[in-house]
Amino acid sequence: MITAMETETDIHQLMQEIVRVTGIIKVNYPVLYASLYETPVFVSYEDEELEEEEFQDYLEFLNTQLAIHRIAYGKRWK
């Protein structure tokens, strides 16, 4: 059974990774960064409508956009 604390920890880790990837995009790919719909993303822990899956989906979206951009323009990122 997953506890509320574990879920909050998972969401916190996902948010940290979203911030990290967004930072990479901002510094290395300004054109891509400008095209993101939410720049930056602000989410409140009090918003009970957001689920862990939504954070995972957004992180996957960011990583996919970054991969596509890298393929199209050939720039590597750290």
PDB file of N, CA and C in Angstrom:
ATOM      1  N   MET A   1       0.837  -1.188   0.000  1.00  0.00           N
ATOM      2  CA  MET A   1       0.000   0.000   0.000  1.00  0.00           C
ATOM      3  C   MET A   1       0.884   1.254   0.000  1.00  0.00           C
ATOM      4  N   ILE A   2       0.588   2.161  -0.893  1.00  0.00           N
ATOM      5  CA  ILE A   2       1.346   3.408  -1.000  1.00  0.00           C
ATOM      6  C   ILE A   2       0.717   4.436  -0.078  1.00  0.00           C
ATOM      7  N   THR A   3       1.545   5.044   0.740  1.00  0.00           N
ATOM      8  CA  THR A   3       1.044   6.044   1.678  1.00  0.00           C
ATOM      9  C   THR A   3       1.015   7.416   1.020  1.00  0.00           C
ATOM     10  N   ALA A   4       0.296   8.331   1.654  1.00  0.00           N
ATOM     11  CA  ALA A   4       0.218   9.711   1.162  1.00  0.00           C
ATOM     12  C   ALA A   4       1.602  10.343   1.155  1.00  0.00           C
ATOM     13  N   MET A   5       2.421  10.015   2.139  1.00  0.00           N
ATOM     14  CA  MET A   5       3.771  10.582   2.217  1.00  0.00           C
ATOM     15  C   MET A   5       4.622  10.091   1.040  1.00  0.00           C
ATOM     16  N   GLU A   6       4.484   8.822   0.676  1.00  0.00           N
ATOM     17  CA  GLU A   6       5.230   8.295  -0.463  1.00  0.00           C
ATOM     18  C   GLU A   6       4.789   8.971  -1.753  1.00  0.00           C
ATOM     19  N   THR A   7       3.503   9.188  -1.900  1.00  0.00           N
ATOM     20  CA  THR A   7       2.976   9.862  -3.083  1.00  0.00           C
ATOM     21  C   THR A   7       3.498  11.291  -3.166  1.00  0.00           C
ATOM     22  N   GLU A   8       3.512  11.998  -2.039  1.00  0.00           N
ATOM     23  CA  GLU A   8       4.041  13.366  -2.018  1.00  0.00           C
ATOM     24  C   GLU A   8       5.519  13.375  -2.373  1.00  0.00           C
ATOM     25  N   THR A   9       6.268  12.388  -1.885  1.00  0.00           N
ATOM     26  CA  THR A   9       7.688  12.290  -2.207  1.00  0.00           C
ATOM     27  C   THR A   9       7.872  12.048  -3.691  1.00  0.00           C
ATOM     28  N   ASP A  10       7.072  11.141  -4.264  1.00  0.00           N
ATOM     29  CA  ASP A  10       7.158  10.866  -5.695  1.00  0.00           C
ATOM     30  C   ASP A  10       6.844  12.114  -6.512  1.00  0.00           C
ATOM     31  N   ILE A  11       5.808  12.823  -6.136  1.00  0.00           N
ATOM     32  CA  ILE A  11       5.431  14.055  -6.846  1.00  0.00           C
ATOM     33  C   ILE A  11       6.531  15.096  -6.703  1.00  0.00           C
ATOM     34  N   HIS A  12       7.096  15.209  -5.513  1.00  0.00           N
ATOM     35  CA  HIS A  12       8.183  16.167  -5.293  1.00  0.00           C
ATOM     36  C   HIS A  12       9.374  15.824  -6.196  1.00  0.00           C
ATOM     37  N   GLN A  13       9.715  14.543  -6.301  1.00  0.00           N
ATOM     38  CA  GLN A  13      10.825  14.132  -7.164  1.00  0.00           C
ATOM     39  C   GLN A  13      10.513  14.421  -8.627  1.00  0.00           C
ATOM     40  N   LEU A  14       9.282  14.180  -9.027  1.00  0.00           N
ATOM     41  CA  LEU A  14       8.880  14.487 -10.399  1.00  0.00           C
ATOM     42  C   LEU A  14       8.975  15.983 -10.666  1.00  0.00           C
ATOM     43  N   MET A  15       8.546  16.790  -9.717  1.00  0.00           N
ATOM     44  CA  MET A  15       8.622  18.244  -9.881  1.00  0.00           C
ATOM     45  C   MET A  15      10.078  18.699  -9.988  1.00  0.00           C
ATOM     46  N   GLN A  16      10.950  18.112  -9.182  1.00  0.00           N
ATOM     47  CA  GLN A  16      12.369  18.460  -9.263  1.00  0.00           C
ATOM     48  C   GLN A  16      12.934  18.118 -10.639  1.00  0.00           C
ATOM     49  N   GLU A  17      12.550  16.977 -11.176  1.00  0.00           N
ATOM     50  CA  GLU A  17      13.029  16.574 -12.494  1.00  0.00           C
ATOM     51  C   GLU A  17      12.443  17.481 -13.581  1.00  0.00           C
ATOM     52  N   ILE A  18      11.199  17.879 -13.438  1.00  0.00           N
ATOM     53  CA  ILE A  18      10.587  18.817 -14.389  1.00  0.00           C
ATOM     54  C   ILE A  18      11.346  20.137 -14.378  1.00  0.00           C
ATOM     55  N   VAL A  19      11.673  20.631 -13.207  1.00  0.00           N
ATOM     56  CA  VAL A  19      12.434  21.882 -13.093  1.00  0.00           C
ATOM     57  C   VAL A  19      13.821  21.716 -13.710  1.00  0.00           C
ATOM     58  N   ARG A  20      14.470  20.572 -13.467  1.00  0.00           N
ATOM     59  CA  ARG A  20      15.805  20.321 -14.012  1.00  0.00           C
ATOM     60  C   ARG A  20      15.773  20.300 -15.545  1.00  0.00           C
ATOM     61  N   VAL A  21      14.853  19.549 -16.126  1.00  0.00           N
ATOM     62  CA  VAL A  21      14.754  19.446 -17.581  1.00  0.00           C
ATOM     63  C   VAL A  21      14.357  20.789 -18.186  1.00  0.00           C
ATOM     64  N   THR A  22      13.436  21.486 -17.549  1.00  0.00           N
ATOM     65  CA  THR A  22      13.044  22.814 -18.032  1.00  0.00           C
ATOM     66  C   THR A  22      14.238  23.760 -18.013  1.00  0.00           C
ATOM     67  N   GLY A  23      15.076  23.676 -16.987  1.00  0.00           N
ATOM     68  CA  GLY A  23      16.283  24.501 -16.913  1.00  0.00           C
ATOM     69  C   GLY A  23      17.253  24.203 -18.043  1.00  0.00           C
ATOM     70  N   ILE A  24      17.427  22.916 -18.357  1.00  0.00           N
ATOM     71  CA  ILE A  24      18.286  22.524 -19.482  1.00  0.00           C
ATOM     72  C   ILE A  24      17.746  23.109 -20.772  1.00  0.00           C
ATOM     73  N   ILE A  25      16.443  23.003 -20.951  1.00  0.00           N
ATOM     74  CA  ILE A  25      15.821  23.552 -22.158  1.00  0.00           C
ATOM     75  C   ILE A  25      16.001  25.064 -22.204  1.00  0.00           C
ATOM     76  N   LYS A  26      15.790  25.721 -21.096  1.00  0.00           N
ATOM     77  CA  LYS A  26      15.893  27.191 -21.051  1.00  0.00           C
ATOM     78  C   LYS A  26      17.296  27.665 -21.428  1.00  0.00           C
ATOM     79  N   VAL A  27      18.313  26.997 -20.887  1.00  0.00           N
ATOM     80  CA  VAL A  27      19.697  27.426 -21.117  1.00  0.00           C
ATOM     81  C   VAL A  27      20.201  27.024 -22.500  1.00  0.00           C
ATOM     82  N   ASN A  28      19.903  25.799 -22.921  1.00  0.00           N
ATOM     83  CA  ASN A  28      20.500  25.259 -24.139  1.00  0.00           C
ATOM     84  C   ASN A  28      19.622  25.350 -25.385  1.00  0.00           C
ATOM     85  N   TYR A  29      18.327  25.499 -25.191  1.00  0.00           N
ATOM     86  CA  TYR A  29      17.399  25.488 -26.317  1.00  0.00           C
ATOM     87  C   TYR A  29      16.355  26.594 -26.164  1.00  0.00           C
ATOM     88  N   PRO A  30      16.759  27.852 -26.262  1.00  0.00           N
ATOM     89  CA  PRO A  30      15.825  28.953 -26.026  1.00  0.00           C
ATOM     90  C   PRO A  30      14.619  28.958 -26.964  1.00  0.00           C
ATOM     91  N   VAL A  31      14.790  28.492 -28.187  1.00  0.00           N
ATOM     92  CA  VAL A  31      13.666  28.448 -29.119  1.00  0.00           C
ATOM     93  C   VAL A  31      12.633  27.437 -28.630  1.00  0.00           C
ATOM     94  N   LEU A  32      13.095  26.284 -28.204  1.00  0.00           N
ATOM     95  CA  LEU A  32      12.195  25.263 -27.660  1.00  0.00           C
ATOM     96  C   LEU A  32      11.543  25.772 -26.378  1.00  0.00           C
ATOM     97  N   TYR A  33      12.337  26.403 -25.532  1.00  0.00           N
ATOM     98  CA  TYR A  33      11.817  26.928 -24.265  1.00  0.00           C
ATOM     99  C   TYR A  33      10.682  27.921 -24.515  1.00  0.00           C
ATOM    100  N   ALA A  34      10.862  28.780 -25.496  1.00  0.00           N
ATOM    101  CA  ALA A  34       9.848  29.789 -25.794  1.00  0.00           C
ATOM    102  C   ALA A  34       8.550  29.154 -26.295  1.00  0.00           C
ATOM    103  N   SER A  35       8.655  27.946 -26.857  1.00  0.00           N
ATOM    104  CA  SER A  35       7.466  27.314 -27.408  1.00  0.00           C
ATOM    105  C   SER A  35       6.691  26.465 -26.396  1.00  0.00           C
ATOM    106  N   LEU A  36       7.247  26.268 -25.216  1.00  0.00           N
ATOM    107  CA  LEU A  36       6.528  25.487 -24.207  1.00  0.00           C
ATOM    108  C   LEU A  36       5.275  26.236 -23.774  1.00  0.00           C
ATOM    109  N   TYR A  37       4.208  25.513 -23.603  1.00  0.00           N
ATOM    110  CA  TYR A  37       2.939  26.136 -23.226  1.00  0.00           C
ATOM    111  C   TYR A  37       2.963  26.691 -21.810  1.00  0.00           C
ATOM    112  N   GLU A  38       3.647  26.044 -20.904  1.00  0.00           N
ATOM    113  CA  GLU A  38       3.720  26.491 -19.513  1.00  0.00           C
ATOM    114  C   GLU A  38       5.175  26.780 -19.196  1.00  0.00           C
ATOM    115  N   THR A  39       5.490  28.058 -19.025  1.00  0.00           N
ATOM    116  CA  THR A  39       6.873  28.437 -18.815  1.00  0.00           C
ATOM    117  C   THR A  39       6.979  29.497 -17.739  1.00  0.00           C
ATOM    118  N   PRO A  40       7.430  29.217 -16.598  1.00  0.00           N
ATOM    119  CA  PRO A  40       7.644  27.899 -16.009  1.00  0.00           C
ATOM    120  C   PRO A  40       6.335  27.321 -15.472  1.00  0.00           C
ATOM    121  N   VAL A  41       6.392  26.101 -14.986  1.00  0.00           N
ATOM    122  CA  VAL A  41       5.215  25.429 -14.444  1.00  0.00           C
ATOM    123  C   VAL A  41       5.135  25.711 -12.950  1.00  0.00           C
ATOM    124  N   PHE A  42       4.005  26.202 -12.511  1.00  0.00           N
ATOM    125  CA  PHE A  42       3.774  26.410 -11.093  1.00  0.00           C
ATOM    126  C   PHE A  42       2.603  25.528 -10.680  1.00  0.00           C
ATOM    127  N   VAL A  43       2.827  24.668  -9.726  1.00  0.00           N
ATOM    128  CA  VAL A  43       1.795  23.759  -9.252  1.00  0.00           C
ATOM    129  C   VAL A  43       1.784  23.811  -7.735  1.00  0.00           C
ATOM    130  N   SER A  44       0.627  23.923  -7.175  1.00  0.00           N
ATOM    131  CA  SER A  44       0.478  23.951  -5.730  1.00  0.00           C
ATOM    132  C   SER A  44       0.173  22.555  -5.209  1.00  0.00           C
ATOM    133  N   TYR A  45       0.795  22.184  -4.121  1.00  0.00           N
ATOM    134  CA  TYR A  45       0.486  20.901  -3.492  1.00  0.00           C
ATOM    135  C   TYR A  45      -0.963  20.866  -3.015  1.00  0.00           C
ATOM    136  N   GLU A  46      -1.559  22.034  -2.852  1.00  0.00           N
ATOM    137  CA  GLU A  46      -2.946  22.100  -2.388  1.00  0.00           C
ATOM    138  C   GLU A  46      -3.937  21.782  -3.494  1.00  0.00           C
ATOM    139  N   ASP A  47      -3.483  21.755  -4.734  1.00  0.00           N
ATOM    140  CA  ASP A  47      -4.353  21.441  -5.858  1.00  0.00           C
ATOM    141  C   ASP A  47      -4.558  19.936  -5.908  1.00  0.00           C
ATOM    142  N   GLU A  48      -5.643  19.484  -5.369  1.00  0.00           N
ATOM    143  CA  GLU A  48      -5.902  18.054  -5.247  1.00  0.00           C
ATOM    144  C   GLU A  48      -6.311  17.417  -6.569  1.00  0.00           C
ATOM    145  N   GLU A  49      -6.534  18.211  -7.586  1.00  0.00           N
ATOM    146  CA  GLU A  49      -6.943  17.673  -8.873  1.00  0.00           C
ATOM    147  C   GLU A  49      -5.774  17.093  -9.665  1.00  0.00           C
ATOM    148  N   LEU A  50      -4.557  17.495  -9.347  1.00  0.00           N
ATOM    149  CA  LEU A  50      -3.401  16.992 -10.070  1.00  0.00           C
ATOM    150  C   LEU A  50      -2.929  15.681  -9.444  1.00  0.00           C
ATOM    151  N   GLU A  51      -2.731  14.688 -10.288  1.00  0.00           N
ATOM    152  CA  GLU A  51      -2.296  13.371  -9.852  1.00  0.00           C
ATOM    153  C   GLU A  51      -0.848  13.159 -10.279  1.00  0.00           C
ATOM    154  N   GLU A  52      -0.218  12.191  -9.655  1.00  0.00           N
ATOM    155  CA  GLU A  52       1.164  11.862  -9.990  1.00  0.00           C
ATOM    156  C   GLU A  52       1.310  11.573 -11.485  1.00  0.00           C
ATOM    157  N   GLU A  53       0.341  10.909 -12.059  1.00  0.00           N
ATOM    158  CA  GLU A  53       0.375  10.563 -13.475  1.00  0.00           C
ATOM    159  C   GLU A  53       0.474  11.809 -14.363  1.00  0.00           C
ATOM    160  N   GLU A  54      -0.171  12.887 -13.961  1.00  0.00           N
ATOM    161  CA  GLU A  54      -0.114  14.129 -14.741  1.00  0.00           C
ATOM    162  C   GLU A  54       1.286  14.732 -14.725  1.00  0.00           C
ATOM    163  N   PHE A  55       1.966  14.632 -13.576  1.00  0.00           N
ATOM    164  CA  PHE A  55       3.352  15.092 -13.501  1.00  0.00           C
ATOM    165  C   PHE A  55       4.239  14.219 -14.378  1.00  0.00           C
ATOM    166  N   GLN A  56       4.024  12.907 -14.339  1.00  0.00           N
ATOM    167  CA  GLN A  56       4.796  11.980 -15.171  1.00  0.00           C
ATOM    168  C   GLN A  56       4.572  12.272 -16.650  1.00  0.00           C
ATOM    169  N   ASP A  57       3.331  12.512 -17.018  1.00  0.00           N
ATOM    170  CA  ASP A  57       3.003  12.822 -18.409  1.00  0.00           C
ATOM    171  C   ASP A  57       3.690  14.101 -18.866  1.00  0.00           C
ATOM    172  N   TYR A  58       3.707  15.123 -18.020  1.00  0.00           N
ATOM    173  CA  TYR A  58       4.340  16.383 -18.401  1.00  0.00           C
ATOM    174  C   TYR A  58       5.848  16.209 -18.536  1.00  0.00           C
ATOM    175  N   LEU A  59       6.448  15.437 -17.629  1.00  0.00           N
ATOM    176  CA  LEU A  59       7.883  15.175 -17.722  1.00  0.00           C
ATOM    177  C   LEU A  59       8.191  14.407 -19.007  1.00  0.00           C
ATOM    178  N   GLU A  60       7.372  13.448 -19.332  1.00  0.00           N
ATOM    179  CA  GLU A  60       7.545  12.703 -20.581  1.00  0.00           C
ATOM    180  C   GLU A  60       7.410  13.643 -21.782  1.00  0.00           C
ATOM    181  N   PHE A  61       6.445  14.551 -21.740  1.00  0.00           N
ATOM    182  CA  PHE A  61       6.270  15.543 -22.800  1.00  0.00           C
ATOM    183  C   PHE A  61       7.544  16.375 -22.971  1.00  0.00           C
ATOM    184  N   LEU A  62       8.100  16.871 -21.861  1.00  0.00           N
ATOM    185  CA  LEU A  62       9.315  17.683 -21.927  1.00  0.00           C
ATOM    186  C   LEU A  62      10.464  16.889 -22.532  1.00  0.00           C
ATOM    187  N   ASN A  63      10.652  15.660 -22.062  1.00  0.00           N
ATOM    188  CA  ASN A  63      11.744  14.830 -22.573  1.00  0.00           C
ATOM    189  C   ASN A  63      11.553  14.501 -24.049  1.00  0.00           C
ATOM    190  N   THR A  64      10.326  14.278 -24.465  1.00  0.00           N
ATOM    191  CA  THR A  64      10.042  13.999 -25.875  1.00  0.00           C
ATOM    192  C   THR A  64      10.345  15.222 -26.735  1.00  0.00           C
ATOM    193  N   GLN A  65       9.899  16.400 -26.281  1.00  0.00           N
ATOM    194  CA  GLN A  65      10.173  17.630 -27.025  1.00  0.00           C
ATOM    195  C   GLN A  65      11.675  17.857 -27.139  1.00  0.00           C
ATOM    196  N   LEU A  66      12.399  17.605 -26.061  1.00  0.00           N
ATOM    197  CA  LEU A  66      13.845  17.779 -26.059  1.00  0.00           C
ATOM    198  C   LEU A  66      14.506  16.800 -27.033  1.00  0.00           C
ATOM    199  N   ALA A  67      14.065  15.552 -27.029  1.00  0.00           N
ATOM    200  CA  ALA A  67      14.633  14.547 -27.936  1.00  0.00           C
ATOM    201  C   ALA A  67      14.369  14.913 -29.392  1.00  0.00           C
ATOM    202  N   ILE A  68      13.160  15.348 -29.689  1.00  0.00           N
ATOM    203  CA  ILE A  68      12.821  15.755 -31.058  1.00  0.00           C
ATOM    204  C   ILE A  68      13.685  16.938 -31.490  1.00  0.00           C
ATOM    205  N   HIS A  69      13.836  17.895 -30.600  1.00  0.00           N
ATOM    206  CA  HIS A  69      14.640  19.080 -30.904  1.00  0.00           C
ATOM    207  C   HIS A  69      16.101  18.688 -31.146  1.00  0.00           C
ATOM    208  N   ARG A  70      16.623  17.769 -30.334  1.00  0.00           N
ATOM    209  CA  ARG A  70      18.003  17.309 -30.499  1.00  0.00           C
ATOM    210  C   ARG A  70      18.185  16.619 -31.839  1.00  0.00           C
ATOM    211  N   ILE A  71      17.218  15.803 -32.241  1.00  0.00           N
ATOM    212  CA  ILE A  71      17.299  15.110 -33.531  1.00  0.00           C
ATOM    213  C   ILE A  71      17.253  16.131 -34.669  1.00  0.00           C
ATOM    214  N   ALA A  72      16.345  17.079 -34.558  1.00  0.00           N
ATOM    215  CA  ALA A  72      16.164  18.068 -35.624  1.00  0.00           C
ATOM    216  C   ALA A  72      17.369  18.990 -35.769  1.00  0.00           C
ATOM    217  N   TYR A  73      17.982  19.362 -34.650  1.00  0.00           N
ATOM    218  CA  TYR A  73      19.060  20.343 -34.686  1.00  0.00           C
ATOM    219  C   TYR A  73      20.420  19.788 -34.320  1.00  0.00           C
ATOM    220  N   GLY A  74      20.483  18.536 -33.872  1.00  0.00           N
ATOM    221  CA  GLY A  74      21.753  17.865 -33.625  1.00  0.00           C
ATOM    222  C   GLY A  74      22.552  18.334 -32.432  1.00  0.00           C
ATOM    223  N   LYS A  75      21.964  19.114 -31.557  1.00  0.00           N
ATOM    224  CA  LYS A  75      22.698  19.614 -30.394  1.00  0.00           C
ATOM    225  C   LYS A  75      22.551  18.661 -29.227  1.00  0.00           C
ATOM    226  N   ARG A  76      23.650  18.340 -28.594  1.00  0.00           N
ATOM    227  CA  ARG A  76      23.656  17.474 -27.415  1.00  0.00           C
ATOM    228  C   ARG A  76      23.447  18.307 -26.163  1.00  0.00           C
ATOM    229  N   TRP A  77      22.909  17.694 -25.136  1.00  0.00           N
ATOM    230  CA  TRP A  77      22.722  18.373 -23.844  1.00  0.00           C
ATOM    231  C   TRP A  77      23.257  17.507 -22.733  1.00  0.00           C
ATOM    232  N   LYS A  78      23.541  18.126 -21.608  1.00  0.00           N
ATOM    233  CA  LYS A  78      24.113  17.429 -20.457  1.00  0.00           C
ATOM    234  C   LYS A  78      23.041  16.958 -19.527  1.00  0.00           C
TER     235      LYS A  78
END
